[in-house]
């Protein structure tokens, strides 16, 4: 699990880092919003814990950017804020944050919220893998359907060609049948005694 921490207060940042490293997490630290944004683009953390008010880009602005342009991999976003007013919390969640933690934070609460984030990340990653498998299966089925359609077209062409060949053979066989019949007739005549025919022809000449 890769977690990005962004806070301009070095003491808070160190406390967060110490607590989360005990969870066997890979922890990345940024001390201003611009550095945090660059690390998000480069490192693609699983969870980003962002201070609401920071020099450069505020945590809320980073959340809005990620909501409007979602990264390739899902990132669970937690806003760290000293404001516990309902309207501020609502604004943060509506802007794209998945959760929030108020300062000063409780270590056990922090661990629990990080654990929830880790489960959500795992579910999102699993869902993405399933979607990728479905996309692959869909592509394979599309290719198979195209191949089958091409086979059907080819089979239809062969049937048409066979029908044409049968018609041509029929037309050729008709005159051959007549010729073959005449040949049989001639054979029968020559098989008979032809002397009477020759005698009749001789008498006619006289």
N, C-alpha and C. Protein backbone atom coordinates (compact mmCIF):
# COMPACT_ATOMS: atom_id res chain seq x y z
N UNK A 1 0.84 -1.18 0.00
CA UNK A 1 0.00 0.00 0.00
C UNK A 1 0.89 1.25 0.00
N UNK A 2 0.65 2.14 -0.96
CA UNK A 2 1.45 3.36 -1.06
C UNK A 2 0.58 4.55 -0.64
N UNK A 3 1.06 5.30 0.35
CA UNK A 3 0.28 6.41 0.91
C UNK A 3 1.08 7.71 0.78
N UNK A 4 0.42 8.74 0.25
CA UNK A 4 1.03 10.06 0.16
C UNK A 4 0.50 10.94 1.28
N UNK A 5 1.42 11.57 2.02
CA UNK A 5 1.06 12.53 3.06
C UNK A 5 1.49 13.92 2.60
N UNK A 6 0.58 14.88 2.71
CA UNK A 6 0.90 16.25 2.31
C UNK A 6 0.43 17.22 3.39
N UNK A 7 1.40 17.87 4.04
CA UNK A 7 1.08 18.84 5.09
C UNK A 7 2.27 19.77 5.23
N UNK A 8 2.00 21.07 5.33
CA UNK A 8 3.10 22.03 5.44
C UNK A 8 3.63 22.13 6.87
N UNK A 9 2.92 21.53 7.82
CA UNK A 9 3.39 21.51 9.21
C UNK A 9 4.28 20.28 9.40
N UNK A 10 5.56 20.50 9.64
CA UNK A 10 6.52 19.40 9.70
C UNK A 10 6.24 18.46 10.87
N UNK A 11 5.76 19.00 11.99
CA UNK A 11 5.48 18.14 13.15
C UNK A 11 4.32 17.19 12.85
N UNK A 12 3.24 17.75 12.29
CA UNK A 12 2.09 16.92 11.92
C UNK A 12 2.49 15.88 10.89
N UNK A 13 3.30 16.30 9.93
CA UNK A 13 3.74 15.39 8.88
C UNK A 13 4.54 14.23 9.46
N UNK A 14 5.43 14.55 10.41
CA UNK A 14 6.24 13.50 11.02
C UNK A 14 5.39 12.54 11.84
N UNK A 15 4.41 13.04 12.54
CA UNK A 15 3.53 12.18 13.33
C UNK A 15 2.72 11.26 12.42
N UNK A 16 2.22 11.81 11.34
CA UNK A 16 1.46 10.99 10.38
C UNK A 16 2.35 9.90 9.79
N UNK A 17 3.54 10.28 9.41
CA UNK A 17 4.46 9.32 8.79
C UNK A 17 4.80 8.19 9.75
N UNK A 18 5.11 8.52 11.00
CA UNK A 18 5.45 7.50 12.00
C UNK A 18 4.29 6.54 12.23
N UNK A 19 3.09 7.08 12.32
CA UNK A 19 1.91 6.24 12.57
C UNK A 19 1.65 5.29 11.41
N UNK A 20 1.75 5.79 10.20
CA UNK A 20 1.40 4.97 9.03
C UNK A 20 2.50 3.97 8.66
N UNK A 21 3.73 4.28 8.98
CA UNK A 21 4.79 3.30 8.70
C UNK A 21 4.62 2.05 9.56
N UNK A 22 3.99 2.21 10.71
CA UNK A 22 3.73 1.05 11.56
C UNK A 22 2.69 0.12 10.93
N UNK A 23 1.98 0.61 9.93
CA UNK A 23 1.01 -0.22 9.21
C UNK A 23 1.66 -0.94 8.03
N UNK A 24 2.98 -0.91 7.98
CA UNK A 24 3.75 -1.55 6.90
C UNK A 24 3.41 -0.94 5.54
N UNK A 25 3.11 0.35 5.55
CA UNK A 25 2.79 1.05 4.30
C UNK A 25 4.02 1.78 3.78
N UNK A 26 4.07 1.93 2.46
CA UNK A 26 5.10 2.77 1.84
C UNK A 26 4.60 4.21 1.90
N UNK A 27 5.31 5.07 2.62
CA UNK A 27 4.84 6.42 2.88
C UNK A 27 5.68 7.43 2.10
N UNK A 28 4.98 8.30 1.37
CA UNK A 28 5.60 9.41 0.65
C UNK A 28 5.17 10.71 1.30
N UNK A 29 6.08 11.67 1.40
CA UNK A 29 5.78 12.92 2.10
C UNK A 29 5.98 14.13 1.20
N UNK A 30 5.06 15.09 1.30
CA UNK A 30 5.16 16.35 0.57
C UNK A 30 4.82 17.48 1.55
N UNK A 31 5.54 18.61 1.42
CA UNK A 31 5.34 19.71 2.37
C UNK A 31 4.59 20.90 1.77
N UNK A 32 4.15 20.76 0.54
CA UNK A 32 3.28 21.79 -0.04
C UNK A 32 2.42 21.15 -1.14
N UNK A 33 1.42 21.90 -1.57
CA UNK A 33 0.46 21.35 -2.53
C UNK A 33 1.05 21.06 -3.89
N UNK A 34 1.97 21.91 -4.34
CA UNK A 34 2.57 21.68 -5.66
C UNK A 34 3.38 20.39 -5.68
N UNK A 35 4.16 20.18 -4.63
CA UNK A 35 4.94 18.94 -4.53
C UNK A 35 4.02 17.73 -4.44
N UNK A 36 2.94 17.88 -3.69
CA UNK A 36 1.97 16.78 -3.57
C UNK A 36 1.36 16.44 -4.92
N UNK A 37 1.02 17.46 -5.70
CA UNK A 37 0.42 17.23 -7.02
C UNK A 37 1.40 16.50 -7.95
N UNK A 38 2.65 16.93 -7.92
CA UNK A 38 3.67 16.27 -8.75
C UNK A 38 3.85 14.81 -8.34
N UNK A 39 3.85 14.53 -7.06
CA UNK A 39 4.04 13.16 -6.59
C UNK A 39 2.83 12.28 -6.92
N UNK A 40 1.65 12.88 -6.90
CA UNK A 40 0.46 12.12 -7.30
C UNK A 40 0.57 11.70 -8.75
N UNK A 41 1.01 12.61 -9.60
CA UNK A 41 1.15 12.29 -11.02
C UNK A 41 2.24 11.24 -11.27
N UNK A 42 3.32 11.34 -10.53
CA UNK A 42 4.47 10.47 -10.76
C UNK A 42 4.34 9.13 -10.04
N UNK A 43 3.94 9.14 -8.79
CA UNK A 43 3.95 7.94 -7.95
C UNK A 43 2.64 7.16 -7.96
N UNK A 44 1.53 7.83 -8.28
CA UNK A 44 0.21 7.21 -8.27
C UNK A 44 -0.04 6.41 -6.99
N UNK A 45 -0.15 7.11 -5.87
CA UNK A 45 -0.37 6.43 -4.59
C UNK A 45 -1.76 5.80 -4.53
N UNK A 46 -1.91 4.87 -3.61
CA UNK A 46 -3.22 4.25 -3.39
C UNK A 46 -4.11 5.16 -2.55
N UNK A 47 -3.50 5.82 -1.57
CA UNK A 47 -4.22 6.74 -0.68
C UNK A 47 -3.44 8.05 -0.60
N UNK A 48 -4.16 9.17 -0.63
CA UNK A 48 -3.52 10.48 -0.46
C UNK A 48 -4.20 11.19 0.70
N UNK A 49 -3.41 11.53 1.71
CA UNK A 49 -3.90 12.27 2.87
C UNK A 49 -3.41 13.70 2.73
N UNK A 50 -4.34 14.63 2.44
CA UNK A 50 -3.98 15.99 2.04
C UNK A 50 -4.48 17.02 3.04
N UNK A 51 -3.57 17.89 3.48
CA UNK A 51 -3.98 19.00 4.33
C UNK A 51 -4.83 19.97 3.51
N UNK A 52 -5.92 20.42 4.10
CA UNK A 52 -6.83 21.31 3.37
C UNK A 52 -6.12 22.59 2.98
N UNK A 53 -5.41 23.23 3.94
CA UNK A 53 -4.74 24.51 3.70
C UNK A 53 -3.23 24.27 3.62
N UNK A 54 -2.67 24.49 2.41
CA UNK A 54 -1.23 24.33 2.20
C UNK A 54 -0.75 25.41 1.26
N UNK A 55 0.55 25.75 1.32
CA UNK A 55 1.11 26.66 0.32
C UNK A 55 1.02 26.04 -1.07
N UNK A 56 0.94 26.89 -2.08
CA UNK A 56 0.80 26.37 -3.45
C UNK A 56 -0.63 25.91 -3.65
N UNK A 57 -0.80 24.68 -4.06
CA UNK A 57 -2.13 24.11 -4.22
C UNK A 57 -2.68 23.66 -2.88
N UNK A 58 -3.90 24.06 -2.57
CA UNK A 58 -4.54 23.57 -1.36
C UNK A 58 -5.02 22.13 -1.58
N UNK A 59 -5.19 21.43 -0.48
CA UNK A 59 -5.67 20.06 -0.59
C UNK A 59 -7.01 19.98 -1.29
N UNK A 60 -7.90 20.95 -1.02
CA UNK A 60 -9.21 20.96 -1.66
C UNK A 60 -9.08 21.14 -3.17
N UNK A 61 -8.14 21.96 -3.60
CA UNK A 61 -7.94 22.18 -5.04
C UNK A 61 -7.42 20.91 -5.71
N UNK A 62 -6.53 20.19 -5.05
CA UNK A 62 -6.04 18.93 -5.59
C UNK A 62 -7.18 17.93 -5.74
N UNK A 63 -8.04 17.88 -4.72
CA UNK A 63 -9.20 16.98 -4.78
C UNK A 63 -10.09 17.32 -5.97
N UNK A 64 -10.34 18.60 -6.19
CA UNK A 64 -11.18 19.03 -7.31
C UNK A 64 -10.54 18.66 -8.64
N UNK A 65 -9.24 18.83 -8.75
CA UNK A 65 -8.54 18.48 -10.00
C UNK A 65 -8.68 16.99 -10.30
N UNK A 66 -8.50 16.18 -9.28
CA UNK A 66 -8.58 14.73 -9.48
C UNK A 66 -10.01 14.29 -9.79
N UNK A 67 -10.98 15.01 -9.26
CA UNK A 67 -12.37 14.67 -9.56
C UNK A 67 -12.69 15.00 -11.02
N UNK A 68 -12.20 16.16 -11.49
CA UNK A 68 -12.48 16.58 -12.86
C UNK A 68 -11.66 15.80 -13.89
N UNK A 69 -10.48 15.35 -13.49
CA UNK A 69 -9.62 14.56 -14.38
C UNK A 69 -9.13 13.33 -13.62
N UNK A 70 -9.96 12.31 -13.52
CA UNK A 70 -9.59 11.12 -12.73
C UNK A 70 -8.32 10.47 -13.26
N UNK A 71 -7.44 10.06 -12.37
CA UNK A 71 -6.21 9.37 -12.80
C UNK A 71 -6.52 7.97 -13.31
N UNK A 72 -5.52 7.36 -13.94
CA UNK A 72 -5.71 6.01 -14.49
C UNK A 72 -6.03 5.01 -13.38
N UNK A 73 -5.39 5.17 -12.24
CA UNK A 73 -5.65 4.30 -11.09
C UNK A 73 -6.43 5.06 -10.04
N UNK A 74 -7.32 4.36 -9.38
CA UNK A 74 -8.13 4.97 -8.32
C UNK A 74 -7.25 5.39 -7.15
N UNK A 75 -7.50 6.60 -6.64
CA UNK A 75 -6.80 7.10 -5.45
C UNK A 75 -7.84 7.47 -4.40
N UNK A 76 -7.69 6.92 -3.22
CA UNK A 76 -8.59 7.24 -2.11
C UNK A 76 -8.09 8.52 -1.47
N UNK A 77 -8.94 9.56 -1.45
CA UNK A 77 -8.54 10.90 -1.02
C UNK A 77 -9.12 11.23 0.34
N UNK A 78 -8.23 11.59 1.26
CA UNK A 78 -8.64 11.99 2.61
C UNK A 78 -8.16 13.41 2.85
N UNK A 79 -9.08 14.29 3.24
CA UNK A 79 -8.71 15.66 3.58
C UNK A 79 -8.43 15.76 5.07
N UNK A 80 -7.32 16.42 5.38
CA UNK A 80 -6.93 16.66 6.77
C UNK A 80 -7.22 18.13 7.07
N UNK A 81 -8.11 18.39 8.01
CA UNK A 81 -8.53 19.77 8.25
C UNK A 81 -8.76 20.04 9.73
N UNK A 82 -8.52 21.29 10.10
CA UNK A 82 -8.82 21.71 11.47
C UNK A 82 -10.25 22.22 11.58
N UNK A 83 -10.92 22.34 10.44
CA UNK A 83 -12.32 22.79 10.44
C UNK A 83 -13.24 21.59 10.59
N UNK A 84 -14.03 21.59 11.62
CA UNK A 84 -14.97 20.49 11.82
C UNK A 84 -16.42 20.92 11.61
N UNK A 85 -16.59 22.08 10.97
CA UNK A 85 -17.95 22.54 10.69
C UNK A 85 -18.57 21.66 9.60
N UNK A 86 -19.84 21.43 9.74
CA UNK A 86 -20.54 20.54 8.82
C UNK A 86 -20.44 21.04 7.39
N UNK A 87 -20.57 22.36 7.19
CA UNK A 87 -20.53 22.90 5.83
C UNK A 87 -19.16 22.70 5.18
N UNK A 88 -18.08 22.78 5.98
CA UNK A 88 -16.74 22.55 5.44
C UNK A 88 -16.54 21.08 5.07
N UNK A 89 -16.99 20.21 5.95
CA UNK A 89 -16.86 18.77 5.68
C UNK A 89 -17.67 18.40 4.44
N UNK A 90 -18.89 18.96 4.34
CA UNK A 90 -19.74 18.69 3.18
C UNK A 90 -19.09 19.20 1.90
N UNK A 91 -18.49 20.38 1.96
CA UNK A 91 -17.81 20.95 0.80
C UNK A 91 -16.68 20.04 0.34
N UNK A 92 -15.90 19.55 1.29
CA UNK A 92 -14.79 18.67 0.95
C UNK A 92 -15.25 17.38 0.29
N UNK A 93 -16.28 16.77 0.84
CA UNK A 93 -16.79 15.51 0.28
C UNK A 93 -17.44 15.74 -1.09
N UNK A 94 -18.18 16.84 -1.22
CA UNK A 94 -18.80 17.14 -2.51
C UNK A 94 -17.77 17.47 -3.58
N UNK A 95 -16.61 17.95 -3.16
CA UNK A 95 -15.56 18.32 -4.12
C UNK A 95 -14.81 17.11 -4.65
N UNK A 96 -15.00 15.95 -3.99
CA UNK A 96 -14.36 14.73 -4.49
C UNK A 96 -13.59 13.94 -3.47
N UNK A 97 -13.50 14.44 -2.24
CA UNK A 97 -12.80 13.68 -1.20
C UNK A 97 -13.63 12.46 -0.81
N UNK A 98 -12.94 11.39 -0.46
CA UNK A 98 -13.62 10.17 -0.01
C UNK A 98 -13.83 10.14 1.50
N UNK A 99 -13.02 10.91 2.21
CA UNK A 99 -13.13 10.92 3.67
C UNK A 99 -12.41 12.15 4.19
N UNK A 100 -12.47 12.37 5.49
CA UNK A 100 -11.79 13.50 6.11
C UNK A 100 -11.34 13.10 7.51
N UNK A 101 -10.33 13.80 8.00
CA UNK A 101 -9.86 13.63 9.38
C UNK A 101 -9.60 15.03 9.94
N UNK A 102 -10.10 15.28 11.12
CA UNK A 102 -9.90 16.59 11.73
C UNK A 102 -8.62 16.60 12.57
N UNK A 103 -7.99 17.77 12.62
CA UNK A 103 -6.79 17.97 13.45
C UNK A 103 -7.17 18.66 14.75
N UNK A 104 -6.50 18.27 15.84
CA UNK A 104 -5.49 17.19 15.95
C UNK A 104 -6.16 15.82 15.82
N UNK A 105 -5.45 14.92 15.16
CA UNK A 105 -6.06 13.62 14.85
C UNK A 105 -5.76 12.60 15.95
N UNK A 106 -6.65 11.63 16.03
CA UNK A 106 -6.47 10.50 16.94
C UNK A 106 -5.83 9.36 16.15
N UNK A 107 -4.79 8.76 16.70
CA UNK A 107 -4.04 7.73 15.97
C UNK A 107 -4.92 6.53 15.62
N UNK A 108 -5.73 6.11 16.55
CA UNK A 108 -6.59 4.95 16.28
C UNK A 108 -7.62 5.27 15.19
N UNK A 109 -8.17 6.47 15.25
CA UNK A 109 -9.12 6.88 14.21
C UNK A 109 -8.42 6.94 12.85
N UNK A 110 -7.21 7.48 12.85
CA UNK A 110 -6.44 7.55 11.60
C UNK A 110 -6.23 6.16 11.01
N UNK A 111 -5.82 5.22 11.86
CA UNK A 111 -5.59 3.85 11.39
C UNK A 111 -6.87 3.23 10.83
N UNK A 112 -7.98 3.48 11.51
CA UNK A 112 -9.26 2.91 11.06
C UNK A 112 -9.67 3.50 9.71
N UNK A 113 -9.51 4.79 9.55
CA UNK A 113 -9.90 5.42 8.28
C UNK A 113 -8.97 4.99 7.14
N UNK A 114 -7.71 4.82 7.45
CA UNK A 114 -6.77 4.31 6.45
C UNK A 114 -7.13 2.88 6.07
N UNK A 115 -7.54 2.08 7.06
CA UNK A 115 -7.94 0.69 6.78
C UNK A 115 -9.16 0.65 5.87
N UNK A 116 -10.12 1.55 6.13
CA UNK A 116 -11.29 1.64 5.25
C UNK A 116 -10.86 2.02 3.84
N UNK A 117 -9.97 3.00 3.75
CA UNK A 117 -9.48 3.40 2.44
C UNK A 117 -8.78 2.27 1.71
N UNK A 118 -8.01 1.48 2.45
CA UNK A 118 -7.30 0.35 1.83
C UNK A 118 -8.29 -0.67 1.27
N UNK A 119 -9.38 -0.91 2.00
CA UNK A 119 -10.39 -1.86 1.51
C UNK A 119 -11.07 -1.32 0.25
N UNK A 120 -11.37 -0.04 0.25
CA UNK A 120 -12.01 0.56 -0.92
C UNK A 120 -11.08 0.48 -2.13
N UNK A 121 -9.80 0.76 -1.91
CA UNK A 121 -8.82 0.67 -3.00
C UNK A 121 -8.76 -0.74 -3.55
N UNK A 122 -8.76 -1.73 -2.67
CA UNK A 122 -8.72 -3.12 -3.11
C UNK A 122 -9.96 -3.47 -3.92
N UNK A 123 -11.12 -3.02 -3.48
CA UNK A 123 -12.35 -3.27 -4.22
C UNK A 123 -12.31 -2.60 -5.60
N UNK A 124 -11.81 -1.37 -5.63
CA UNK A 124 -11.72 -0.65 -6.90
C UNK A 124 -10.75 -1.34 -7.85
N UNK A 125 -9.62 -1.79 -7.33
CA UNK A 125 -8.65 -2.49 -8.17
C UNK A 125 -9.21 -3.81 -8.68
N UNK A 126 -9.94 -4.50 -7.81
CA UNK A 126 -10.56 -5.76 -8.23
C UNK A 126 -11.61 -5.51 -9.31
N UNK A 127 -12.38 -4.45 -9.13
CA UNK A 127 -13.40 -4.09 -10.12
C UNK A 127 -12.76 -3.74 -11.45
N UNK A 128 -11.64 -3.03 -11.41
CA UNK A 128 -10.95 -2.66 -12.64
C UNK A 128 -10.41 -3.90 -13.35
N UNK A 129 -9.90 -4.86 -12.58
CA UNK A 129 -9.42 -6.10 -13.19
C UNK A 129 -10.57 -6.86 -13.85
N UNK A 130 -11.71 -6.88 -13.18
CA UNK A 130 -12.88 -7.55 -13.75
C UNK A 130 -13.34 -6.85 -15.03
N UNK A 131 -13.33 -5.52 -15.00
CA UNK A 131 -13.72 -4.76 -16.19
C UNK A 131 -12.76 -5.02 -17.34
N UNK A 132 -11.47 -5.13 -17.01
CA UNK A 132 -10.48 -5.40 -18.05
C UNK A 132 -10.71 -6.78 -18.65
N UNK A 133 -11.04 -7.76 -17.81
CA UNK A 133 -11.33 -9.10 -18.31
C UNK A 133 -12.58 -9.09 -19.19
N UNK A 134 -13.58 -8.30 -18.78
CA UNK A 134 -14.81 -8.20 -19.58
C UNK A 134 -14.54 -7.53 -20.92
N UNK A 135 -13.69 -6.50 -20.91
CA UNK A 135 -13.34 -5.83 -22.17
C UNK A 135 -12.60 -6.80 -23.09
N UNK A 136 -11.70 -7.58 -22.51
CA UNK A 136 -10.96 -8.57 -23.30
C UNK A 136 -11.90 -9.62 -23.86
N UNK A 137 -12.82 -10.11 -23.01
CA UNK A 137 -13.79 -11.13 -23.45
C UNK A 137 -14.69 -10.56 -24.54
N UNK A 138 -15.11 -9.30 -24.38
CA UNK A 138 -15.96 -8.66 -25.38
C UNK A 138 -15.24 -8.56 -26.72
N UNK A 139 -13.95 -8.19 -26.67
CA UNK A 139 -13.16 -8.10 -27.91
C UNK A 139 -13.03 -9.46 -28.57
N UNK A 140 -12.81 -10.50 -27.76
CA UNK A 140 -12.68 -11.85 -28.31
C UNK A 140 -14.00 -12.29 -28.95
N UNK A 141 -15.13 -12.00 -28.29
CA UNK A 141 -16.43 -12.37 -28.83
C UNK A 141 -16.73 -11.60 -30.12
N UNK A 142 -16.32 -10.35 -30.16
CA UNK A 142 -16.52 -9.54 -31.36
C UNK A 142 -15.71 -10.11 -32.53
N UNK A 143 -14.47 -10.49 -32.24
CA UNK A 143 -13.63 -11.08 -33.29
C UNK A 143 -14.20 -12.41 -33.75
N UNK A 144 -14.71 -13.21 -32.80
CA UNK A 144 -15.30 -14.50 -33.15
C UNK A 144 -16.56 -14.31 -34.00
N UNK A 145 -17.38 -13.32 -33.64
CA UNK A 145 -18.60 -13.05 -34.41
C UNK A 145 -18.26 -12.61 -35.82
N UNK A 146 -17.22 -11.78 -35.95
CA UNK A 146 -16.80 -11.33 -37.27
C UNK A 146 -16.30 -12.50 -38.11
N UNK A 147 -15.51 -13.37 -37.47
CA UNK A 147 -15.00 -14.55 -38.18
C UNK A 147 -16.15 -15.45 -38.63
N UNK A 148 -17.14 -15.64 -37.74
CA UNK A 148 -18.30 -16.47 -38.08
C UNK A 148 -19.10 -15.86 -39.22
N UNK A 149 -19.26 -14.55 -39.20
CA UNK A 149 -19.98 -13.87 -40.28
C UNK A 149 -19.27 -14.05 -41.61
N UNK A 150 -17.94 -13.95 -41.58
CA UNK A 150 -17.17 -14.15 -42.80
C UNK A 150 -17.30 -15.58 -43.31
N UNK A 151 -17.34 -16.54 -42.38
CA UNK A 151 -17.53 -17.94 -42.78
C UNK A 151 -18.90 -18.16 -43.42
N UNK A 152 -19.92 -17.52 -42.87
CA UNK A 152 -21.27 -17.65 -43.43
C UNK A 152 -21.35 -17.03 -44.82
N UNK A 153 -20.69 -15.89 -44.99
CA UNK A 153 -20.67 -15.25 -46.31
C UNK A 153 -19.97 -16.16 -47.32
N UNK A 154 -18.84 -16.76 -46.89
CA UNK A 154 -18.11 -17.65 -47.77
C UNK A 154 -18.94 -18.88 -48.11
N UNK A 155 -19.64 -19.44 -47.10
CA UNK A 155 -20.49 -20.60 -47.35
C UNK A 155 -21.62 -20.26 -48.31
N UNK A 156 -22.19 -19.07 -48.16
CA UNK A 156 -23.27 -18.64 -49.06
C UNK A 156 -22.75 -18.50 -50.49
N UNK A 157 -21.52 -18.01 -50.61
CA UNK A 157 -20.93 -17.89 -51.95
C UNK A 157 -20.72 -19.26 -52.58
N UNK A 158 -20.29 -20.23 -51.76
CA UNK A 158 -20.08 -21.58 -52.28
C UNK A 158 -21.39 -22.21 -52.72
N UNK A 159 -22.47 -21.98 -51.95
CA UNK A 159 -23.78 -22.51 -52.34
C UNK A 159 -24.23 -21.90 -53.65
N UNK A 160 -24.06 -20.59 -53.78
CA UNK A 160 -24.44 -19.91 -55.02
C UNK A 160 -23.63 -20.44 -56.19
N UNK A 161 -22.33 -20.63 -55.98
CA UNK A 161 -21.47 -21.15 -57.04
C UNK A 161 -21.90 -22.56 -57.43
N UNK A 162 -22.26 -23.39 -56.44
CA UNK A 162 -22.71 -24.75 -56.74
C UNK A 162 -23.99 -24.75 -57.55
N UNK A 163 -24.92 -23.85 -57.21
CA UNK A 163 -26.17 -23.75 -57.96
C UNK A 163 -25.91 -23.34 -59.41
N UNK A 164 -25.01 -22.37 -59.59
CA UNK A 164 -24.67 -21.93 -60.94
C UNK A 164 -24.02 -23.06 -61.73
N UNK A 165 -23.14 -23.81 -61.09
CA UNK A 165 -22.46 -24.91 -61.77
C UNK A 165 -23.46 -25.99 -62.19
N UNK A 166 -24.44 -26.27 -61.32
CA UNK A 166 -25.45 -27.28 -61.65
C UNK A 166 -26.29 -26.83 -62.84
N UNK A 167 -26.62 -25.53 -62.89
CA UNK A 167 -27.39 -25.01 -64.02
C UNK A 167 -26.63 -25.10 -65.32
N UNK A 168 -25.36 -24.74 -65.26
CA UNK A 168 -24.53 -24.81 -66.47
C UNK A 168 -24.40 -26.25 -66.94
N UNK A 169 -24.19 -27.16 -66.00
CA UNK A 169 -24.07 -28.58 -66.36
C UNK A 169 -25.36 -29.09 -67.00
N UNK A 170 -26.51 -28.60 -66.52
CA UNK A 170 -27.80 -29.03 -67.09
C UNK A 170 -27.92 -28.56 -68.54
N UNK A 171 -27.52 -27.30 -68.78
CA UNK A 171 -27.60 -26.76 -70.14
C UNK A 171 -26.67 -27.51 -71.08
N UNK A 172 -25.51 -27.89 -70.56
CA UNK A 172 -24.56 -28.64 -71.40
C UNK A 172 -25.06 -30.04 -71.67
N UNK A 173 -25.68 -30.65 -70.68
CA UNK A 173 -26.13 -32.04 -70.81
C UNK A 173 -27.30 -32.21 -71.77
N UNK A 174 -28.13 -31.20 -71.98
CA UNK A 174 -29.29 -31.33 -72.88
C UNK A 174 -28.89 -31.67 -74.31
N UNK A 175 -28.03 -30.91 -74.99
CA UNK A 175 -27.62 -31.30 -76.35
C UNK A 175 -26.84 -32.60 -76.38
N UNK A 176 -26.08 -32.86 -75.33
CA UNK A 176 -25.35 -34.12 -75.29
C UNK A 176 -26.31 -35.30 -75.25
N UNK A 177 -27.44 -35.12 -74.60
CA UNK A 177 -28.44 -36.20 -74.54
C UNK A 177 -28.99 -36.51 -75.92
N UNK A 178 -29.24 -35.45 -76.71
CA UNK A 178 -29.73 -35.67 -78.08
C UNK A 178 -28.71 -36.41 -78.92
N UNK A 179 -27.46 -35.96 -78.84
CA UNK A 179 -26.40 -36.60 -79.63
C UNK A 179 -26.24 -38.05 -79.22
N UNK A 180 -26.26 -38.27 -77.89
CA UNK A 180 -26.12 -39.65 -77.42
C UNK A 180 -27.27 -40.52 -77.90
N UNK A 181 -28.49 -39.96 -77.97
CA UNK A 181 -29.64 -40.72 -78.48
C UNK A 181 -29.49 -41.08 -79.94
N UNK A 182 -29.00 -40.14 -80.75
CA UNK A 182 -28.78 -40.41 -82.18
C UNK A 182 -27.71 -41.47 -82.39
N UNK A 183 -26.70 -41.41 -81.57
CA UNK A 183 -25.64 -42.41 -81.68
C UNK A 183 -26.19 -43.80 -81.39
N UNK A 184 -27.04 -43.90 -80.39
CA UNK A 184 -27.65 -45.20 -80.06
C UNK A 184 -28.52 -45.69 -81.21
N UNK A 185 -29.26 -44.79 -81.84
CA UNK A 185 -30.12 -45.17 -82.96
C UNK A 185 -29.30 -45.70 -84.12
N UNK A 186 -28.22 -44.99 -84.41
CA UNK A 186 -27.35 -45.43 -85.52
C UNK A 186 -26.77 -46.80 -85.22
N UNK A 187 -26.38 -47.01 -83.98
CA UNK A 187 -25.82 -48.31 -83.61
C UNK A 187 -26.85 -49.42 -83.81
N UNK A 188 -28.12 -49.15 -83.49
CA UNK A 188 -29.15 -50.17 -83.66
C UNK A 188 -29.39 -50.46 -85.14
N UNK A 189 -29.35 -49.43 -85.96
CA UNK A 189 -29.56 -49.63 -87.40
C UNK A 189 -28.44 -50.46 -88.00
N UNK A 190 -27.22 -50.11 -87.65
CA UNK A 190 -26.09 -50.86 -88.21
C UNK A 190 -26.03 -52.28 -87.68
N UNK A 191 -26.66 -52.48 -86.58
CA UNK A 191 -26.68 -53.84 -86.04
C UNK A 191 -27.66 -54.74 -86.80
N UNK A 192 -28.60 -54.14 -87.54
CA UNK A 192 -29.57 -54.92 -88.31
C UNK A 192 -28.98 -55.30 -89.68
N UNK A 193 -29.72 -56.15 -90.39
CA UNK A 193 -29.30 -56.57 -91.74
C UNK A 193 -29.58 -55.43 -92.70
N UNK A 194 -28.58 -54.86 -93.34
CA UNK A 194 -28.74 -53.71 -94.23
C UNK A 194 -28.89 -54.11 -95.68
N UNK A 195 -28.85 -55.39 -96.04
CA UNK A 195 -28.97 -55.83 -97.44
C UNK A 195 -30.29 -55.40 -98.07
N UNK A 196 -31.44 -55.55 -97.41
CA UNK A 196 -32.69 -55.10 -98.04
C UNK A 196 -32.65 -53.64 -98.37
N UNK A 197 -32.00 -52.87 -97.57
CA UNK A 197 -31.94 -51.42 -97.83
C UNK A 197 -31.14 -51.16 -99.09
N UNK A 198 -29.99 -51.85 -99.25
CA UNK A 198 -29.16 -51.67 -100.45
C UNK A 198 -29.90 -52.14 -101.71
N UNK A 199 -30.66 -53.27 -101.65
CA UNK A 199 -31.39 -53.80 -102.81
C UNK A 199 -32.47 -52.82 -103.25
N UNK A 200 -33.16 -52.22 -102.31
CA UNK A 200 -34.21 -51.26 -102.66
C UNK A 200 -33.60 -50.05 -103.33
N UNK A 201 -32.45 -49.66 -102.91
CA UNK A 201 -31.80 -48.51 -103.52
C UNK A 201 -31.35 -48.83 -104.93
N UNK A 202 -30.90 -50.09 -105.22
CA UNK A 202 -30.44 -50.50 -106.54
C UNK A 202 -31.60 -50.54 -107.51
N UNK A 203 -32.74 -51.08 -107.10
CA UNK A 203 -33.91 -51.15 -107.97
C UNK A 203 -34.42 -49.75 -108.31
N UNK A 204 -34.29 -48.86 -107.41
CA UNK A 204 -34.75 -47.50 -107.65
C UNK A 204 -33.92 -46.81 -108.73
N UNK A 205 -32.61 -47.13 -108.77
CA UNK A 205 -31.75 -46.53 -109.79
C UNK A 205 -32.09 -47.06 -111.18
N UNK A 206 -32.51 -48.33 -111.25
CA UNK A 206 -32.85 -48.91 -112.55
C UNK A 206 -34.13 -48.27 -113.08
